[in-house]
Amino acid sequence: NEKLDFETRLRIFGYTQEDLKTLILPMCTSGKEAIGSMGTDTPLAVLSTKPQLLFNYFKQLFAQVTNPPLDGIREEIVTDTGLGIGSDFNIFDIVPDHCKKLKINNPIISNEDLDKIREVDHPDFKAVSVDALYDITKGLNGIEAALKAMVKEVSKAVTDGCNIVILSDRHVNKTYAPIPMLLACSYINTELSKLRQRSQFGIVIESAEPREPHHFACLFGYGASAINPYMINEIILDQVRQNVIKDISEEKAIENFNKA
């Protein structure tokens, strides 16, 4: 399982110059999303001739309102972006088990935070990593087979007492390609609900795909509790080394991005 180099992985996950310059850089340096115009003149993903991230097929229809979004920073008294991850129990039973949750203050987590969750050493928590990859030689059928295999793997892990499932595309290589993370996350979310096991675990995403707020929102909407965009951390490290990001440490830049 050789590790692919940085540039190759950027290409695999479809990073563009625009992603690096107009999206990631402003979020790293200012801690908030760059302001752009309302209109977007790119073709809808479904009509585009270029390969698209799955996230791009999920666009909000234009709604003519100007409500500010819920704000966890300026309105933190009433809006909490933190969450608890672990098993859920019957909400009609008043039992202390409800409190056994791993508290995450910001659901966008750094590589270090993910390692803390992965290596958690506590009787109430057990994490498992599941690869969201498929065999390239098998084509589209390979994705379907891999998704079904993931369901079996997650189901068995949950039966064995795991209550945090990390879906990961980190081990991508020449033989195994990443399954679009939105597909993997939503499939696990839906199929484990059918197996009546979904409330027993939380989903953590370890993926190179998500890079803009819309991507994270889609993943949260389809069942994720926390997301580690590890490729962003590598890009930030690379940009700090190349002096593209100046006057700010790598840790601070990552923190800014996660906050944004």
C-alpha atoms as a PDB file:
ATOM      1  CA  ASN A   1       0.000   0.000   0.000  1.00  0.00           C
ATOM      2  CA  GLU A   2       2.315   2.748  -1.245  1.00  0.00           C
ATOM      3  CA  LYS A   3       1.400   6.314  -0.357  1.00  0.00           C
ATOM      4  CA  LEU A   4       0.638   8.513  -3.342  1.00  0.00           C
ATOM      5  CA  ASP A   5       2.377  11.873  -3.442  1.00  0.00           C
ATOM      6  CA  PHE A   6       0.675  15.148  -2.573  1.00  0.00           C
ATOM      7  CA  GLU A   7       0.211  16.391  -6.162  1.00  0.00           C
ATOM      8  CA  THR A   8      -1.299  13.095  -7.337  1.00  0.00           C
ATOM      9  CA  ARG A   9      -3.824  13.109  -4.504  1.00  0.00           C
ATOM     10  CA  LEU A  10      -4.776  16.716  -5.289  1.00  0.00           C
ATOM     11  CA  ARG A  11      -5.616  15.563  -8.815  1.00  0.00           C
ATOM     12  CA  ILE A  12      -7.497  12.439  -7.675  1.00  0.00           C
ATOM     13  CA  PHE A  13      -9.795  14.543  -5.518  1.00  0.00           C
ATOM     14  CA  GLY A  14     -10.233  17.190  -8.208  1.00  0.00           C
ATOM     15  CA  TYR A  15      -8.647  20.208  -6.520  1.00  0.00           C
ATOM     16  CA  THR A  16      -8.388  23.270  -8.771  1.00  0.00           C
ATOM     17  CA  GLN A  17      -6.395  26.503  -8.591  1.00  0.00           C
ATOM     18  CA  GLU A  18      -9.692  28.216  -7.754  1.00  0.00           C
ATOM     19  CA  ASP A  19     -10.176  25.925  -4.744  1.00  0.00           C
ATOM     20  CA  LEU A  20      -6.708  26.782  -3.458  1.00  0.00           C
ATOM     21  CA  LYS A  21      -6.677  30.543  -4.149  1.00  0.00           C
ATOM     22  CA  THR A  22     -10.248  31.815  -3.792  1.00  0.00           C
ATOM     23  CA  LEU A  23     -11.697  29.290  -1.363  1.00  0.00           C
ATOM     24  CA  ILE A  24      -9.158  27.782   1.013  1.00  0.00           C
ATOM     25  CA  LEU A  25      -6.692  30.702   1.288  1.00  0.00           C
ATOM     26  CA  PRO A  26      -9.243  33.355   2.449  1.00  0.00           C
ATOM     27  CA  MET A  27     -10.727  30.912   4.972  1.00  0.00           C
ATOM     28  CA  CYS A  28      -7.266  30.142   6.384  1.00  0.00           C
ATOM     29  CA  THR A  29      -6.177  33.746   6.708  1.00  0.00           C
ATOM     30  CA  SER A  30      -9.397  35.473   7.805  1.00  0.00           C
ATOM     31  CA  GLY A  31     -11.351  32.691   9.548  1.00  0.00           C
ATOM     32  CA  LYS A  32     -14.427  33.287   7.401  1.00  0.00           C
ATOM     33  CA  GLU A  33     -15.729  32.317   4.003  1.00  0.00           C
ATOM     34  CA  ALA A  34     -14.752  34.594   1.126  1.00  0.00           C
ATOM     35  CA  ILE A  35     -17.590  36.822  -0.050  1.00  0.00           C
ATOM     36  CA  GLY A  36     -18.589  36.339  -3.674  1.00  0.00           C
ATOM     37  CA  SER A  37     -21.401  37.446  -5.898  1.00  0.00           C
ATOM     38  CA  MET A  38     -24.847  35.845  -5.687  1.00  0.00           C
ATOM     39  CA  GLY A  39     -24.846  34.518  -9.243  1.00  0.00           C
ATOM     40  CA  THR A  40     -22.945  31.486 -10.435  1.00  0.00           C
ATOM     41  CA  ASP A  41     -22.557  31.008 -14.159  1.00  0.00           C
ATOM     42  CA  THR A  42     -21.115  27.479 -14.066  1.00  0.00           C
ATOM     43  CA  PRO A  43     -23.335  24.843 -15.700  1.00  0.00           C
ATOM     44  CA  LEU A  44     -25.433  22.721 -13.356  1.00  0.00           C
ATOM     45  CA  ALA A  45     -23.464  19.592 -12.444  1.00  0.00           C
ATOM     46  CA  VAL A  46     -26.049  17.367 -14.120  1.00  0.00           C
ATOM     47  CA  LEU A  47     -25.545  19.221 -17.439  1.00  0.00           C
ATOM     48  CA  SER A  48     -21.787  19.714 -17.153  1.00  0.00           C
ATOM     49  CA  THR A  49     -19.392  17.842 -19.454  1.00  0.00           C
ATOM     50  CA  LYS A  50     -16.621  17.985 -16.819  1.00  0.00           C
ATOM     51  CA  PRO A  51     -16.299  15.455 -13.986  1.00  0.00           C
ATOM     52  CA  GLN A  52     -17.973  16.844 -10.856  1.00  0.00           C
ATOM     53  CA  LEU A  53     -17.862  16.175  -7.141  1.00  0.00           C
ATOM     54  CA  LEU A  54     -21.064  14.527  -5.951  1.00  0.00           C
ATOM     55  CA  PHE A  55     -21.703  17.540  -3.678  1.00  0.00           C
ATOM     56  CA  ASN A  56     -22.220  19.745  -6.740  1.00  0.00           C
ATOM     57  CA  TYR A  57     -25.402  17.867  -7.656  1.00  0.00           C
ATOM     58  CA  PHE A  58     -26.980  19.063  -4.402  1.00  0.00           C
ATOM     59  CA  LYS A  59     -27.674  22.752  -4.833  1.00  0.00           C
ATOM     60  CA  GLN A  60     -30.137  24.823  -2.896  1.00  0.00           C
ATOM     61  CA  LEU A  61     -32.904  26.328  -4.986  1.00  0.00           C
ATOM     62  CA  PHE A  62     -32.805  30.113  -4.917  1.00  0.00           C
ATOM     63  CA  ALA A  63     -34.940  31.473  -2.095  1.00  0.00           C
ATOM     64  CA  GLN A  64     -35.627  35.191  -2.008  1.00  0.00           C
ATOM     65  CA  VAL A  65     -35.003  35.895   1.653  1.00  0.00           C
ATOM     66  CA  THR A  66     -32.211  37.701   3.433  1.00  0.00           C
ATOM     67  CA  ASN A  67     -32.287  35.966   6.821  1.00  0.00           C
ATOM     68  CA  PRO A  68     -28.806  35.767   8.271  1.00  0.00           C
ATOM     69  CA  PRO A  69     -27.689  32.167   8.878  1.00  0.00           C
ATOM     70  CA  LEU A  70     -27.706  30.714  12.379  1.00  0.00           C
ATOM     71  CA  ASP A  71     -24.541  32.060  13.892  1.00  0.00           C
ATOM     72  CA  GLY A  72     -22.570  29.958  16.362  1.00  0.00           C
ATOM     73  CA  ILE A  73     -19.956  32.693  16.795  1.00  0.00           C
ATOM     74  CA  ARG A  74     -21.853  35.947  17.383  1.00  0.00           C
ATOM     75  CA  GLU A  75     -24.904  34.194  18.827  1.00  0.00           C
ATOM     76  CA  GLU A  76     -23.178  31.508  20.808  1.00  0.00           C
ATOM     77  CA  ILE A  77     -25.485  32.016  23.811  1.00  0.00           C
ATOM     78  CA  VAL A  78     -28.374  30.527  21.838  1.00  0.00           C
ATOM     79  CA  THR A  79     -26.628  28.674  18.996  1.00  0.00           C
ATOM     80  CA  ASP A  80     -24.238  25.861  19.814  1.00  0.00           C
ATOM     81  CA  THR A  81     -22.200  24.217  17.056  1.00  0.00           C
ATOM     82  CA  GLY A  82     -20.915  21.590  19.492  1.00  0.00           C
ATOM     83  CA  LEU A  83     -22.327  18.084  19.564  1.00  0.00           C
ATOM     84  CA  GLY A  84     -22.048  14.808  21.392  1.00  0.00           C
ATOM     85  CA  ILE A  85     -21.004  11.643  19.595  1.00  0.00           C
ATOM     86  CA  GLY A  86     -21.673   8.082  20.747  1.00  0.00           C
ATOM     87  CA  SER A  87     -24.702   5.823  21.183  1.00  0.00           C
ATOM     88  CA  ASP A  88     -28.250   7.175  21.477  1.00  0.00           C
ATOM     89  CA  PHE A  89     -30.824   5.594  23.744  1.00  0.00           C
ATOM     90  CA  ASN A  90     -34.602   5.725  24.079  1.00  0.00           C
ATOM     91  CA  ILE A  91     -35.411   9.391  24.739  1.00  0.00           C
ATOM     92  CA  PHE A  92     -38.440   8.344  26.821  1.00  0.00           C
ATOM     93  CA  ASP A  93     -36.216   6.577  29.361  1.00  0.00           C
ATOM     94  CA  ILE A  94     -34.528   8.846  31.872  1.00  0.00           C
ATOM     95  CA  VAL A  95     -31.228   6.998  32.239  1.00  0.00           C
ATOM     96  CA  PRO A  96     -27.660   8.166  32.868  1.00  0.00           C
ATOM     97  CA  ASP A  97     -26.519   6.430  29.648  1.00  0.00           C
ATOM     98  CA  HIS A  98     -27.779   9.476  27.699  1.00  0.00           C
ATOM     99  CA  CYS A  99     -24.834  11.456  29.121  1.00  0.00           C
ATOM    100  CA  LYS A 100     -22.161   9.093  27.804  1.00  0.00           C
ATOM    101  CA  LYS A 101     -21.186  11.253  24.854  1.00  0.00           C
ATOM    102  CA  LEU A 102     -17.894  12.470  23.476  1.00  0.00           C
ATOM    103  CA  LYS A 103     -18.277  16.261  23.311  1.00  0.00           C
ATOM    104  CA  ILE A 104     -16.972  17.914  20.154  1.00  0.00           C
ATOM    105  CA  ASN A 105     -16.976  21.725  20.209  1.00  0.00           C
ATOM    106  CA  ASN A 106     -16.553  22.227  16.461  1.00  0.00           C
ATOM    107  CA  PRO A 107     -17.644  19.364  14.187  1.00  0.00           C
ATOM    108  CA  ILE A 108     -14.880  20.259  11.666  1.00  0.00           C
ATOM    109  CA  ILE A 109     -11.881  18.589  13.281  1.00  0.00           C
ATOM    110  CA  SER A 110      -8.111  18.668  12.737  1.00  0.00           C
ATOM    111  CA  ASN A 111      -5.923  15.611  12.115  1.00  0.00           C
ATOM    112  CA  GLU A 112      -4.855  15.651  15.785  1.00  0.00           C
ATOM    113  CA  ASP A 113      -8.479  15.695  16.972  1.00  0.00           C
ATOM    114  CA  LEU A 114      -9.293  12.763  14.706  1.00  0.00           C
ATOM    115  CA  ASP A 115      -6.355  10.796  16.145  1.00  0.00           C
ATOM    116  CA  LYS A 116      -7.698  11.490  19.637  1.00  0.00           C
ATOM    117  CA  ILE A 117     -11.077  10.036  18.606  1.00  0.00           C
ATOM    118  CA  ARG A 118      -9.486   7.092  16.770  1.00  0.00           C
ATOM    119  CA  GLU A 119      -7.287   6.142  19.722  1.00  0.00           C
ATOM    120  CA  VAL A 120      -9.893   6.909  22.405  1.00  0.00           C
ATOM    121  CA  ASP A 121      -9.179   4.839  25.506  1.00  0.00           C
ATOM    122  CA  HIS A 122     -12.384   4.823  27.542  1.00  0.00           C
ATOM    123  CA  PRO A 123     -14.810   2.069  28.544  1.00  0.00           C
ATOM    124  CA  ASP A 124     -17.782   3.932  27.006  1.00  0.00           C
ATOM    125  CA  PHE A 125     -16.213   4.601  23.586  1.00  0.00           C
ATOM    126  CA  LYS A 126     -14.784   2.374  20.890  1.00  0.00           C
ATOM    127  CA  ALA A 127     -13.851   3.649  17.426  1.00  0.00           C
ATOM    128  CA  VAL A 128     -13.392   1.715  14.187  1.00  0.00           C
ATOM    129  CA  SER A 129     -12.016   2.909  10.811  1.00  0.00           C
ATOM    130  CA  VAL A 130     -13.696   1.694   7.626  1.00  0.00           C
ATOM    131  CA  ASP A 131     -12.161   2.362   4.189  1.00  0.00           C
ATOM    132  CA  ALA A 132     -14.482   4.050   1.656  1.00  0.00           C
ATOM    133  CA  LEU A 133     -12.570   2.715  -1.362  1.00  0.00           C
ATOM    134  CA  TYR A 134     -13.334   0.457  -4.309  1.00  0.00           C
ATOM    135  CA  ASP A 135     -11.325  -1.674  -6.733  1.00  0.00           C
ATOM    136  CA  ILE A 136     -10.808   0.412  -9.901  1.00  0.00           C
ATOM    137  CA  THR A 137     -10.707  -2.656 -12.177  1.00  0.00           C
ATOM    138  CA  LYS A 138     -14.322  -3.480 -11.262  1.00  0.00           C
ATOM    139  CA  GLY A 139     -15.693  -0.089 -12.368  1.00  0.00           C
ATOM    140  CA  LEU A 140     -19.144   1.058 -11.240  1.00  0.00           C
ATOM    141  CA  ASN A 141     -20.076  -2.421 -10.028  1.00  0.00           C
ATOM    142  CA  GLY A 142     -17.020  -2.200  -7.810  1.00  0.00           C
ATOM    143  CA  ILE A 143     -18.518   0.834  -6.039  1.00  0.00           C
ATOM    144  CA  GLU A 144     -21.760  -1.046  -5.390  1.00  0.00           C
ATOM    145  CA  ALA A 145     -19.931  -4.119  -4.095  1.00  0.00           C
ATOM    146  CA  ALA A 146     -17.666  -1.968  -1.895  1.00  0.00           C
ATOM    147  CA  LEU A 147     -20.640  -0.106  -0.395  1.00  0.00           C
ATOM    148  CA  LYS A 148     -22.352  -3.398   0.476  1.00  0.00           C
ATOM    149  CA  ALA A 149     -19.125  -4.700   2.022  1.00  0.00           C
ATOM    150  CA  MET A 150     -18.853  -1.461   4.066  1.00  0.00           C
ATOM    151  CA  VAL A 151     -22.371  -1.972   5.433  1.00  0.00           C
ATOM    152  CA  LYS A 152     -21.446  -5.489   6.579  1.00  0.00           C
ATOM    153  CA  GLU A 153     -18.196  -4.225   8.130  1.00  0.00           C
ATOM    154  CA  VAL A 154     -19.916  -1.373   9.997  1.00  0.00           C
ATOM    155  CA  SER A 155     -22.789  -3.609  11.128  1.00  0.00           C
ATOM    156  CA  LYS A 156     -20.378  -6.208  12.529  1.00  0.00           C
ATOM    157  CA  ALA A 157     -18.280  -3.522  14.284  1.00  0.00           C
ATOM    158  CA  VAL A 158     -21.406  -2.013  15.880  1.00  0.00           C
ATOM    159  CA  THR A 159     -22.539  -5.484  17.002  1.00  0.00           C
ATOM    160  CA  ASP A 160     -19.070  -5.899  18.563  1.00  0.00           C
ATOM    161  CA  GLY A 161     -19.584  -2.719  20.597  1.00  0.00           C
ATOM    162  CA  CYS A 162     -18.125   0.083  18.434  1.00  0.00           C
ATOM    163  CA  ASN A 163     -20.018   3.362  18.785  1.00  0.00           C
ATOM    164  CA  ILE A 164     -17.834   5.649  16.608  1.00  0.00           C
ATOM    165  CA  VAL A 165     -17.379   4.721  12.938  1.00  0.00           C
ATOM    166  CA  ILE A 166     -14.721   6.613  10.958  1.00  0.00           C
ATOM    167  CA  LEU A 167     -15.309   6.488   7.183  1.00  0.00           C
ATOM    168  CA  SER A 168     -11.972   7.124   5.500  1.00  0.00           C
ATOM    169  CA  ASP A 169     -10.561   7.592   1.998  1.00  0.00           C
ATOM    170  CA  ARG A 170      -7.002   8.150   3.251  1.00  0.00           C
ATOM    171  CA  HIS A 171      -5.611   4.870   1.866  1.00  0.00           C
ATOM    172  CA  VAL A 172      -6.349   5.669  -1.776  1.00  0.00           C
ATOM    173  CA  ASN A 173      -3.735   4.169  -4.122  1.00  0.00           C
ATOM    174  CA  LYS A 174      -3.236   2.939  -7.705  1.00  0.00           C
ATOM    175  CA  THR A 175      -5.571  -0.025  -7.193  1.00  0.00           C
ATOM    176  CA  TYR A 176      -8.210   1.486  -4.921  1.00  0.00           C
ATOM    177  CA  ALA A 177     -10.089   4.680  -5.768  1.00  0.00           C
ATOM    178  CA  PRO A 178     -12.184   6.734  -3.324  1.00  0.00           C
ATOM    179  CA  ILE A 179     -15.944   6.248  -3.205  1.00  0.00           C
ATOM    180  CA  PRO A 180     -17.539   9.747  -3.216  1.00  0.00           C
ATOM    181  CA  MET A 181     -17.773  10.454   0.502  1.00  0.00           C
ATOM    182  CA  LEU A 182     -21.321  11.811   0.325  1.00  0.00           C
ATOM    183  CA  LEU A 183     -22.410   8.500  -1.230  1.00  0.00           C
ATOM    184  CA  ALA A 184     -20.546   6.408   1.369  1.00  0.00           C
ATOM    185  CA  CYS A 185     -21.851   8.461   4.300  1.00  0.00           C
ATOM    186  CA  SER A 186     -25.480   8.545   3.126  1.00  0.00           C
ATOM    187  CA  TYR A 187     -25.443   4.835   2.236  1.00  0.00           C
ATOM    188  CA  ILE A 188     -24.156   3.796   5.665  1.00  0.00           C
ATOM    189  CA  ASN A 189     -26.653   6.181   7.289  1.00  0.00           C
ATOM    190  CA  THR A 190     -29.623   4.706   5.365  1.00  0.00           C
ATOM    191  CA  GLU A 191     -28.696   1.015   5.342  1.00  0.00           C
ATOM    192  CA  LEU A 192     -27.816   0.909   9.044  1.00  0.00           C
ATOM    193  CA  SER A 193     -31.163   2.584   9.782  1.00  0.00           C
ATOM    194  CA  LYS A 194     -32.850  -0.291   7.922  1.00  0.00           C
ATOM    195  CA  LEU A 195     -30.863  -2.739  10.063  1.00  0.00           C
ATOM    196  CA  ARG A 196     -32.049  -0.807  13.157  1.00  0.00           C
ATOM    197  CA  GLN A 197     -28.477  -0.112  14.284  1.00  0.00           C
ATOM    198  CA  ARG A 198     -28.085   3.546  13.269  1.00  0.00           C
ATOM    199  CA  SER A 199     -28.734   5.001  16.730  1.00  0.00           C
ATOM    200  CA  GLN A 200     -25.918   2.945  18.233  1.00  0.00           C
ATOM    201  CA  PHE A 201     -23.052   4.869  16.645  1.00  0.00           C
ATOM    202  CA  GLY A 202     -21.892   8.235  15.328  1.00  0.00           C
ATOM    203  CA  ILE A 203     -20.257   8.741  11.926  1.00  0.00           C
ATOM    204  CA  VAL A 204     -16.935  10.602  11.654  1.00  0.00           C
ATOM    205  CA  ILE A 205     -15.655  11.423   8.160  1.00  0.00           C
ATOM    206  CA  GLU A 206     -11.944  11.366   7.265  1.00  0.00           C
ATOM    207  CA  SER A 207     -11.905  12.641   3.697  1.00  0.00           C
ATOM    208  CA  ALA A 208      -9.902  14.680   1.201  1.00  0.00           C
ATOM    209  CA  GLU A 209     -13.082  15.676  -0.677  1.00  0.00           C
ATOM    210  CA  PRO A 210     -14.881  18.333   1.408  1.00  0.00           C
ATOM    211  CA  ARG A 211     -13.406  21.819   1.016  1.00  0.00           C
ATOM    212  CA  GLU A 212     -16.234  24.359   0.921  1.00  0.00           C
ATOM    213  CA  PRO A 213     -19.018  24.961   3.484  1.00  0.00           C
ATOM    214  CA  HIS A 214     -21.608  23.440   1.134  1.00  0.00           C
ATOM    215  CA  HIS A 215     -19.708  20.117   1.114  1.00  0.00           C
ATOM    216  CA  PHE A 216     -19.625  19.958   4.897  1.00  0.00           C
ATOM    217  CA  ALA A 217     -23.309  20.895   5.110  1.00  0.00           C
ATOM    218  CA  CYS A 218     -24.227  18.042   2.724  1.00  0.00           C
ATOM    219  CA  LEU A 219     -22.269  15.510   4.785  1.00  0.00           C
ATOM    220  CA  PHE A 220     -23.879  16.689   8.035  1.00  0.00           C
ATOM    221  CA  GLY A 221     -27.279  16.533   6.346  1.00  0.00           C
ATOM    222  CA  TYR A 222     -26.663  12.913   5.390  1.00  0.00           C
ATOM    223  CA  GLY A 223     -25.629  11.628   8.793  1.00  0.00           C
ATOM    224  CA  ALA A 224     -22.068  12.720   9.651  1.00  0.00           C
ATOM    225  CA  SER A 225     -21.354  14.009  13.169  1.00  0.00           C
ATOM    226  CA  ALA A 226     -17.791  15.258  12.616  1.00  0.00           C
ATOM    227  CA  ILE A 227     -15.544  15.754   9.583  1.00  0.00           C
ATOM    228  CA  ASN A 228     -11.765  15.780   9.259  1.00  0.00           C
ATOM    229  CA  PRO A 229     -10.792  17.351   5.896  1.00  0.00           C
ATOM    230  CA  TYR A 230      -7.241  16.010   6.114  1.00  0.00           C
ATOM    231  CA  MET A 231      -6.245  17.182   2.629  1.00  0.00           C
ATOM    232  CA  ILE A 232      -6.945  20.794   3.640  1.00  0.00           C
ATOM    233  CA  ASN A 233      -4.460  20.372   6.493  1.00  0.00           C
ATOM    234  CA  GLU A 234      -1.834  19.137   4.022  1.00  0.00           C
ATOM    235  CA  ILE A 235      -2.570  21.985   1.585  1.00  0.00           C
ATOM    236  CA  ILE A 236      -2.202  24.528   4.394  1.00  0.00           C
ATOM    237  CA  LEU A 237       1.122  22.975   5.449  1.00  0.00           C
ATOM    238  CA  ASP A 238       2.300  23.127   1.820  1.00  0.00           C
ATOM    239  CA  GLN A 239       1.204  26.774   1.434  1.00  0.00           C
ATOM    240  CA  VAL A 240       2.907  27.790   4.675  1.00  0.00           C
ATOM    241  CA  ARG A 241       6.124  26.132   3.429  1.00  0.00           C
ATOM    242  CA  GLN A 242       5.866  27.900   0.065  1.00  0.00           C
ATOM    243  CA  ASN A 243       5.252  31.205   1.847  1.00  0.00           C
ATOM    244  CA  VAL A 244       1.843  31.646   0.169  1.00  0.00           C
ATOM    245  CA  ILE A 245       0.375  31.891   3.675  1.00  0.00           C
ATOM    246  CA  LYS A 246       2.496  34.440   5.538  1.00  0.00           C
ATOM    247  CA  ASP A 247       2.505  35.870   9.099  1.00  0.00           C
ATOM    248  CA  ILE A 248       0.388  33.008  10.424  1.00  0.00           C
ATOM    249  CA  SER A 249       1.309  29.574  11.781  1.00  0.00           C
ATOM    250  CA  GLU A 250       0.118  26.329  10.249  1.00  0.00           C
ATOM    251  CA  GLU A 251      -1.910  25.509  13.403  1.00  0.00           C
ATOM    252  CA  LYS A 252      -3.628  28.908  13.361  1.00  0.00           C
ATOM    253  CA  ALA A 253      -4.424  28.607   9.640  1.00  0.00           C
ATOM    254  CA  ILE A 254      -6.040  25.184  10.189  1.00  0.00           C
ATOM    255  CA  GLU A 255      -7.974  26.550  13.160  1.00  0.00           C
ATOM    256  CA  ASN A 256      -9.187  29.482  11.029  1.00  0.00           C
ATOM    257  CA  PHE A 257     -10.336  27.171   8.242  1.00  0.00           C
ATOM    258  CA  ASN A 258     -12.223  24.922  10.679  1.00  0.00           C
ATOM    259  CA  LYS A 259     -13.846  27.962  12.277  1.00  0.00           C
ATOM    260  CA  ALA A 260     -14.867  29.350   8.864  1.00  0.00           C
END
